[in-house]
């Protein structure tokens, strides 16, 4: 069975997102400034790839983002983080 393009794009985006999580974990944990800078450069390149692939996925309607939050929803979330209710 051949893999469909939509599935390949989704799988690749999932993999890239996983890489971004790993970079987010590693960067603050390293004390070596050169390594930290290298990890940041790799993360930035990874983010660029993710953005390009995301753009392709949206163009081909492989990915449809959720609708935008209403002003009330945004206000509610802001309130949760500014009050001591969390």
C-alpha atoms as a PDB file:
ATOM      1  CA  UNK A   1       0.000   0.000   0.000  1.00  0.00           C
ATOM      2  CA  UNK A   2       1.404   3.350  -1.015  1.00  0.00           C
ATOM      3  CA  UNK A   3       1.522   6.129   1.512  1.00  0.00           C
ATOM      4  CA  UNK A   4      -0.562   9.130   0.517  1.00  0.00           C
ATOM      5  CA  UNK A   5       1.022  12.566   0.346  1.00  0.00           C
ATOM      6  CA  UNK A   6      -1.308  13.881   3.062  1.00  0.00           C
ATOM      7  CA  UNK A   7      -0.159  11.126   5.442  1.00  0.00           C
ATOM      8  CA  UNK A   8       3.488  11.772   4.656  1.00  0.00           C
ATOM      9  CA  UNK A   9       3.100  15.496   5.325  1.00  0.00           C
ATOM     10  CA  UNK A  10       1.299  14.823   8.612  1.00  0.00           C
ATOM     11  CA  UNK A  11       3.938  12.309   9.714  1.00  0.00           C
ATOM     12  CA  UNK A  12       6.751  14.702   8.815  1.00  0.00           C
ATOM     13  CA  UNK A  13       5.104  17.556  10.731  1.00  0.00           C
ATOM     14  CA  UNK A  14       4.709  15.277  13.739  1.00  0.00           C
ATOM     15  CA  UNK A  15       8.403  14.374  13.562  1.00  0.00           C
ATOM     16  CA  UNK A  16       9.500  17.996  13.231  1.00  0.00           C
ATOM     17  CA  UNK A  17       7.298  19.011  16.163  1.00  0.00           C
ATOM     18  CA  UNK A  18       8.933  16.277  18.244  1.00  0.00           C
ATOM     19  CA  UNK A  19      12.370  17.604  17.319  1.00  0.00           C
ATOM     20  CA  UNK A  20      11.326  21.095  18.397  1.00  0.00           C
ATOM     21  CA  UNK A  21      10.258  19.727  21.776  1.00  0.00           C
ATOM     22  CA  UNK A  22      13.666  18.061  22.210  1.00  0.00           C
ATOM     23  CA  UNK A  23      15.495  21.294  21.357  1.00  0.00           C
ATOM     24  CA  UNK A  24      13.304  23.164  23.851  1.00  0.00           C
ATOM     25  CA  UNK A  25      14.360  20.657  26.504  1.00  0.00           C
ATOM     26  CA  UNK A  26      18.071  20.626  25.638  1.00  0.00           C
ATOM     27  CA  UNK A  27      18.824  24.316  25.115  1.00  0.00           C
ATOM     28  CA  UNK A  28      18.200  25.525  28.679  1.00  0.00           C
ATOM     29  CA  UNK A  29      19.993  22.501  30.148  1.00  0.00           C
ATOM     30  CA  UNK A  30      23.364  23.002  28.501  1.00  0.00           C
ATOM     31  CA  UNK A  31      26.022  25.221  30.012  1.00  0.00           C
ATOM     32  CA  UNK A  32      28.366  25.083  27.007  1.00  0.00           C
ATOM     33  CA  UNK A  33      27.754  28.334  25.115  1.00  0.00           C
ATOM     34  CA  UNK A  34      28.923  26.944  21.773  1.00  0.00           C
ATOM     35  CA  UNK A  35      26.682  23.906  22.084  1.00  0.00           C
ATOM     36  CA  UNK A  36      23.774  26.103  23.156  1.00  0.00           C
ATOM     37  CA  UNK A  37      24.288  28.322  20.097  1.00  0.00           C
ATOM     38  CA  UNK A  38      24.490  25.302  17.794  1.00  0.00           C
ATOM     39  CA  UNK A  39      21.288  23.867  19.267  1.00  0.00           C
ATOM     40  CA  UNK A  40      19.551  27.216  18.761  1.00  0.00           C
ATOM     41  CA  UNK A  41      20.663  27.303  15.119  1.00  0.00           C
ATOM     42  CA  UNK A  42      19.406  23.756  14.597  1.00  0.00           C
ATOM     43  CA  UNK A  43      16.123  24.650  16.288  1.00  0.00           C
ATOM     44  CA  UNK A  44      15.716  27.711  14.085  1.00  0.00           C
ATOM     45  CA  UNK A  45      16.304  25.644  10.939  1.00  0.00           C
ATOM     46  CA  UNK A  46      13.827  23.072  12.217  1.00  0.00           C
ATOM     47  CA  UNK A  47      11.235  25.805  12.857  1.00  0.00           C
ATOM     48  CA  UNK A  48      11.755  27.122   9.326  1.00  0.00           C
ATOM     49  CA  UNK A  49      11.150  23.648   7.895  1.00  0.00           C
ATOM     50  CA  UNK A  50       8.038  23.273  10.037  1.00  0.00           C
ATOM     51  CA  UNK A  51       6.667  26.618   8.839  1.00  0.00           C
ATOM     52  CA  UNK A  52       7.306  25.759   5.179  1.00  0.00           C
ATOM     53  CA  UNK A  53       5.697  22.346   5.467  1.00  0.00           C
ATOM     54  CA  UNK A  54       2.779  23.792   7.436  1.00  0.00           C
ATOM     55  CA  UNK A  55       2.260  26.307   4.616  1.00  0.00           C
ATOM     56  CA  UNK A  56       2.177  23.493   2.050  1.00  0.00           C
ATOM     57  CA  UNK A  57      -0.263  21.528   4.198  1.00  0.00           C
ATOM     58  CA  UNK A  58      -2.593  24.537   4.457  1.00  0.00           C
ATOM     59  CA  UNK A  59      -2.381  25.257   0.716  1.00  0.00           C
ATOM     60  CA  UNK A  60      -3.394  21.685  -0.091  1.00  0.00           C
ATOM     61  CA  UNK A  61      -6.068  21.655   2.655  1.00  0.00           C
ATOM     62  CA  UNK A  62      -4.251  18.818   4.431  1.00  0.00           C
ATOM     63  CA  UNK A  63      -4.412  20.900   7.580  1.00  0.00           C
ATOM     64  CA  UNK A  64      -7.222  23.209   8.583  1.00  0.00           C
ATOM     65  CA  UNK A  65      -6.492  25.199  11.735  1.00  0.00           C
ATOM     66  CA  UNK A  66      -9.055  25.553  14.478  1.00  0.00           C
ATOM     67  CA  UNK A  67     -11.214  28.650  14.393  1.00  0.00           C
ATOM     68  CA  UNK A  68      -9.846  31.715  16.133  1.00  0.00           C
ATOM     69  CA  UNK A  69     -10.701  32.244  19.768  1.00  0.00           C
ATOM     70  CA  UNK A  70     -13.333  34.831  20.558  1.00  0.00           C
ATOM     71  CA  UNK A  71     -12.480  37.912  22.595  1.00  0.00           C
ATOM     72  CA  UNK A  72     -14.371  36.375  25.509  1.00  0.00           C
ATOM     73  CA  UNK A  73     -12.331  33.158  25.325  1.00  0.00           C
ATOM     74  CA  UNK A  74      -9.059  35.095  25.218  1.00  0.00           C
ATOM     75  CA  UNK A  75     -10.162  37.224  28.186  1.00  0.00           C
ATOM     76  CA  UNK A  76     -11.109  34.089  30.136  1.00  0.00           C
ATOM     77  CA  UNK A  77      -7.691  32.478  29.590  1.00  0.00           C
ATOM     78  CA  UNK A  78      -5.894  35.730  30.460  1.00  0.00           C
ATOM     79  CA  UNK A  79      -7.953  35.883  33.653  1.00  0.00           C
ATOM     80  CA  UNK A  80      -6.954  32.329  34.566  1.00  0.00           C
ATOM     81  CA  UNK A  81      -3.291  33.225  34.326  1.00  0.00           C
ATOM     82  CA  UNK A  82      -3.558  36.532  36.132  1.00  0.00           C
ATOM     83  CA  UNK A  83      -5.686  35.256  39.008  1.00  0.00           C
ATOM     84  CA  UNK A  84      -4.768  32.491  41.393  1.00  0.00           C
ATOM     85  CA  UNK A  85      -7.350  30.048  40.039  1.00  0.00           C
ATOM     86  CA  UNK A  86      -4.909  27.684  38.307  1.00  0.00           C
END
